[in-house]
């Protein structure tokens, strides 16, 4: 049996990783939070927008507790991927504020329901779920995107970690990081099949 301890544990981890996601925007310009940093266009503010829509949907529609603001339809092929980037008409504050309102809504759902409360995810092959399944899914999805955000932020300005304390632990001078990269490159080249 899954108990309230498991629910609280997952919920606390979700709260932590949400804040970690937002920390990746700290100190960056409007351009840097929006600009595409991969060939597919992945960007920091787009990840926040994406997470807000899906968390709202999973802790809303799935449990008949719809988020009170309009969301794009999940089954609209024309809109697929539109949640992964931010237009020039959407402000950073708007995206971040929506994400925080989604947290409040999701937290209310999590608090109101038992860990084994039933839900229905029409876009899943096995649509009948429990709150436990959705907590694990959203925690996993948010953590996955937090990993993307870690790499994007490091590419932008070298910032690592999720807060000032963890970033400070990673602070090394350029010589240290140049030597580290050189050693990793040496190992990678030495491992090539043609080198053996």
Protein backbone atom coordinates (compact mmCIF):
# COMPACT_ATOMS: atom_id res chain seq x y z
CA UNK A 1 0.00 0.00 0.00
CA UNK A 2 1.24 3.47 -0.87
CA UNK A 3 0.83 5.80 2.07
CA UNK A 4 0.79 9.48 2.96
CA UNK A 5 4.54 9.38 3.63
CA UNK A 6 5.20 8.47 0.00
CA UNK A 7 2.84 11.20 -1.16
CA UNK A 8 4.58 13.82 0.99
CA UNK A 9 8.01 12.65 -0.12
CA UNK A 10 7.13 12.90 -3.82
CA UNK A 11 5.37 16.23 -3.32
CA UNK A 12 8.39 17.72 -1.51
CA UNK A 13 10.69 16.59 -4.32
CA UNK A 14 8.34 18.14 -6.87
CA UNK A 15 8.34 21.45 -5.00
CA UNK A 16 12.15 21.43 -4.92
CA UNK A 17 12.64 20.65 -8.60
CA UNK A 18 10.11 23.33 -9.64
CA UNK A 19 12.18 25.95 -7.82
CA UNK A 20 15.34 24.54 -9.39
CA UNK A 21 13.77 25.03 -12.82
CA UNK A 22 13.00 28.68 -12.14
CA UNK A 23 16.48 29.29 -10.74
CA UNK A 24 17.87 28.63 -14.21
CA UNK A 25 16.36 31.94 -15.38
CA UNK A 26 18.03 34.04 -12.67
CA UNK A 27 20.28 36.78 -13.96
CA UNK A 28 19.70 36.08 -17.66
CA UNK A 29 18.53 38.57 -20.27
CA UNK A 30 15.22 38.27 -22.11
CA UNK A 31 17.11 37.08 -25.15
CA UNK A 32 19.06 34.41 -23.29
CA UNK A 33 16.00 32.86 -21.60
CA UNK A 34 14.24 32.63 -24.98
CA UNK A 35 16.89 31.89 -27.55
CA UNK A 36 17.10 28.45 -29.13
CA UNK A 37 20.13 26.62 -27.80
CA UNK A 38 19.73 23.30 -29.61
CA UNK A 39 18.96 22.41 -33.22
CA UNK A 40 15.33 21.72 -32.18
CA UNK A 41 14.98 25.12 -30.52
CA UNK A 42 15.06 24.10 -26.86
CA UNK A 43 15.23 27.17 -24.62
CA UNK A 44 14.89 27.87 -20.91
CA UNK A 45 11.67 29.87 -20.83
CA UNK A 46 10.04 27.45 -23.27
CA UNK A 47 10.76 24.59 -20.86
CA UNK A 48 8.98 26.52 -18.09
CA UNK A 49 6.00 27.19 -20.38
CA UNK A 50 5.85 23.52 -21.37
CA UNK A 51 6.00 22.31 -17.77
CA UNK A 52 3.27 24.71 -16.69
CA UNK A 53 0.80 23.51 -19.33
CA UNK A 54 1.39 19.84 -18.65
CA UNK A 55 1.42 20.08 -14.88
CA UNK A 56 -1.84 22.03 -15.06
CA UNK A 57 -3.32 19.36 -17.28
CA UNK A 58 -2.14 16.36 -15.28
CA UNK A 59 -3.20 17.69 -11.88
CA UNK A 60 -6.29 19.29 -13.36
CA UNK A 61 -8.13 17.47 -16.15
CA UNK A 62 -6.91 14.03 -15.08
CA UNK A 63 -8.69 14.38 -11.71
CA UNK A 64 -11.70 16.43 -12.87
CA UNK A 65 -10.20 19.52 -11.23
CA UNK A 66 -9.55 21.68 -14.31
CA UNK A 67 -7.05 24.50 -14.11
CA UNK A 68 -9.15 27.69 -14.13
CA UNK A 69 -7.29 29.31 -17.04
CA UNK A 70 -7.40 28.33 -20.71
CA UNK A 71 -4.89 25.72 -21.86
CA UNK A 72 -4.12 24.70 -25.42
CA UNK A 73 -5.76 21.42 -26.33
CA UNK A 74 -3.51 18.42 -25.91
CA UNK A 75 -4.88 16.77 -29.04
CA UNK A 76 -4.47 19.73 -31.46
CA UNK A 77 -1.84 18.64 -33.98
CA UNK A 78 -1.44 22.20 -35.28
CA UNK A 79 -0.43 23.40 -31.82
CA UNK A 80 1.99 20.56 -31.12
CA UNK A 81 5.27 22.01 -29.88
CA UNK A 82 3.91 25.54 -29.41
CA UNK A 83 4.29 25.10 -25.67
CA UNK A 84 8.06 24.67 -26.04
CA UNK A 85 8.87 28.27 -26.98
CA UNK A 86 7.75 31.75 -26.05
CA UNK A 87 6.55 34.37 -28.51
CA UNK A 88 7.66 37.98 -28.37
CA UNK A 89 4.19 38.84 -27.02
CA UNK A 90 4.57 36.64 -23.92
CA UNK A 91 6.57 38.11 -21.07
CA UNK A 92 8.89 36.24 -18.76
CA UNK A 93 6.76 37.42 -15.83
CA UNK A 94 3.62 36.03 -17.49
CA UNK A 95 5.22 32.61 -18.02
CA UNK A 96 6.72 32.43 -14.52
CA UNK A 97 3.53 33.70 -12.85
CA UNK A 98 1.46 31.09 -14.70
CA UNK A 99 3.86 28.36 -13.59
CA UNK A 100 3.47 29.48 -9.98
CA UNK A 101 -0.34 29.55 -10.30
CA UNK A 102 -0.15 26.02 -11.73
CA UNK A 103 1.87 24.98 -8.67
CA UNK A 104 -0.85 26.33 -6.40
CA UNK A 105 -3.52 24.47 -8.35
CA UNK A 106 -1.52 21.24 -8.50
CA UNK A 107 -0.62 21.47 -4.81
CA UNK A 108 -4.30 21.88 -3.95
CA UNK A 109 -5.12 18.75 -5.96
CA UNK A 110 -2.30 16.79 -4.31
CA UNK A 111 -3.37 17.95 -0.85
CA UNK A 112 -7.05 17.20 -1.47
CA UNK A 113 -6.68 13.69 -2.86
CA UNK A 114 -5.46 10.44 -1.41
CA UNK A 115 -2.36 8.95 -3.03
CA UNK A 116 -4.53 6.22 -4.54
CA UNK A 117 -7.24 8.59 -5.83
CA UNK A 118 -8.28 7.56 -9.34
CA UNK A 119 -7.69 9.67 -12.41
CA UNK A 120 -8.06 9.31 -16.16
CA UNK A 121 -5.39 10.22 -18.76
CA UNK A 122 -7.08 9.88 -22.16
CA UNK A 123 -3.80 10.25 -24.08
CA UNK A 124 -2.12 7.31 -22.28
CA UNK A 125 -2.40 3.71 -23.53
CA UNK A 126 -3.51 2.65 -20.02
CA UNK A 127 -5.59 5.68 -19.08
CA UNK A 128 -6.77 4.63 -15.63
CA UNK A 129 -4.26 5.97 -13.09
CA UNK A 130 -3.83 6.92 -9.46
CA UNK A 131 -2.52 10.18 -8.02
CA UNK A 132 0.67 8.23 -7.27
CA UNK A 133 1.23 7.60 -11.01
CA UNK A 134 0.79 11.27 -11.85
CA UNK A 135 3.07 12.47 -9.05
CA UNK A 136 5.80 10.14 -10.26
CA UNK A 137 5.21 11.14 -13.90
CA UNK A 138 5.34 14.89 -13.27
CA UNK A 139 8.33 14.59 -10.94
CA UNK A 140 10.14 12.55 -13.59
CA UNK A 141 9.20 14.91 -16.42
CA UNK A 142 10.17 18.02 -14.46
CA UNK A 143 13.47 16.44 -13.41
CA UNK A 144 14.18 15.47 -17.01
CA UNK A 145 13.63 19.04 -18.18
CA UNK A 146 15.67 20.35 -15.24
CA UNK A 147 18.56 18.33 -16.63
CA UNK A 148 18.05 20.02 -19.99
CA UNK A 149 17.95 23.39 -18.24
CA UNK A 150 21.20 22.60 -16.39
CA UNK A 151 23.01 22.04 -19.66
CA UNK A 152 21.44 25.04 -21.41
CA UNK A 153 22.38 27.35 -18.55
CA UNK A 154 25.94 26.04 -18.42
CA UNK A 155 26.22 26.66 -22.18
CA UNK A 156 24.99 30.22 -21.76
CA UNK A 157 27.22 31.50 -19.00
CA UNK A 158 28.87 28.60 -17.19
CA UNK A 159 26.46 28.70 -14.24
CA UNK A 160 25.91 25.30 -12.66
CA UNK A 161 23.91 24.08 -9.67
CA UNK A 162 20.44 25.00 -8.51
CA UNK A 163 21.24 27.78 -6.07
CA UNK A 164 24.10 30.04 -5.01
CA UNK A 165 25.50 27.49 -2.55
CA UNK A 166 25.65 24.62 -5.04
CA UNK A 167 27.01 26.92 -7.75
CA UNK A 168 29.76 28.10 -5.39
CA UNK A 169 30.84 24.49 -4.84
CA UNK A 170 31.40 24.16 -8.58
CA UNK A 171 33.36 27.39 -8.98
CA UNK A 172 36.76 26.70 -10.45
CA UNK A 173 39.00 28.89 -12.52
CA UNK A 174 39.25 28.64 -16.31
CA UNK A 175 42.50 26.70 -16.06
CA UNK A 176 40.84 24.00 -13.97
CA UNK A 177 37.99 23.58 -16.48
CA UNK A 178 40.35 23.70 -19.49
CA UNK A 179 42.44 20.94 -17.92
CA UNK A 180 39.32 18.90 -17.10
CA UNK A 181 38.03 19.19 -20.68
CA UNK A 182 41.47 18.28 -22.06
CA UNK A 183 41.60 15.17 -19.88
CA UNK A 184 38.08 14.12 -20.89
CA UNK A 185 38.88 14.73 -24.57
CA UNK A 186 42.09 12.67 -24.23
CA UNK A 187 40.12 9.79 -22.69
CA UNK A 188 37.44 9.99 -25.40
CA UNK A 189 40.00 9.91 -28.20
CA UNK A 190 41.89 7.04 -26.54
CA UNK A 191 38.69 5.00 -26.38
CA UNK A 192 37.97 5.23 -30.11
CA UNK A 193 37.89 1.80 -31.77
CA UNK A 194 40.49 2.88 -34.35
CA UNK A 195 42.88 3.75 -31.49
CA UNK A 196 43.01 0.08 -30.38
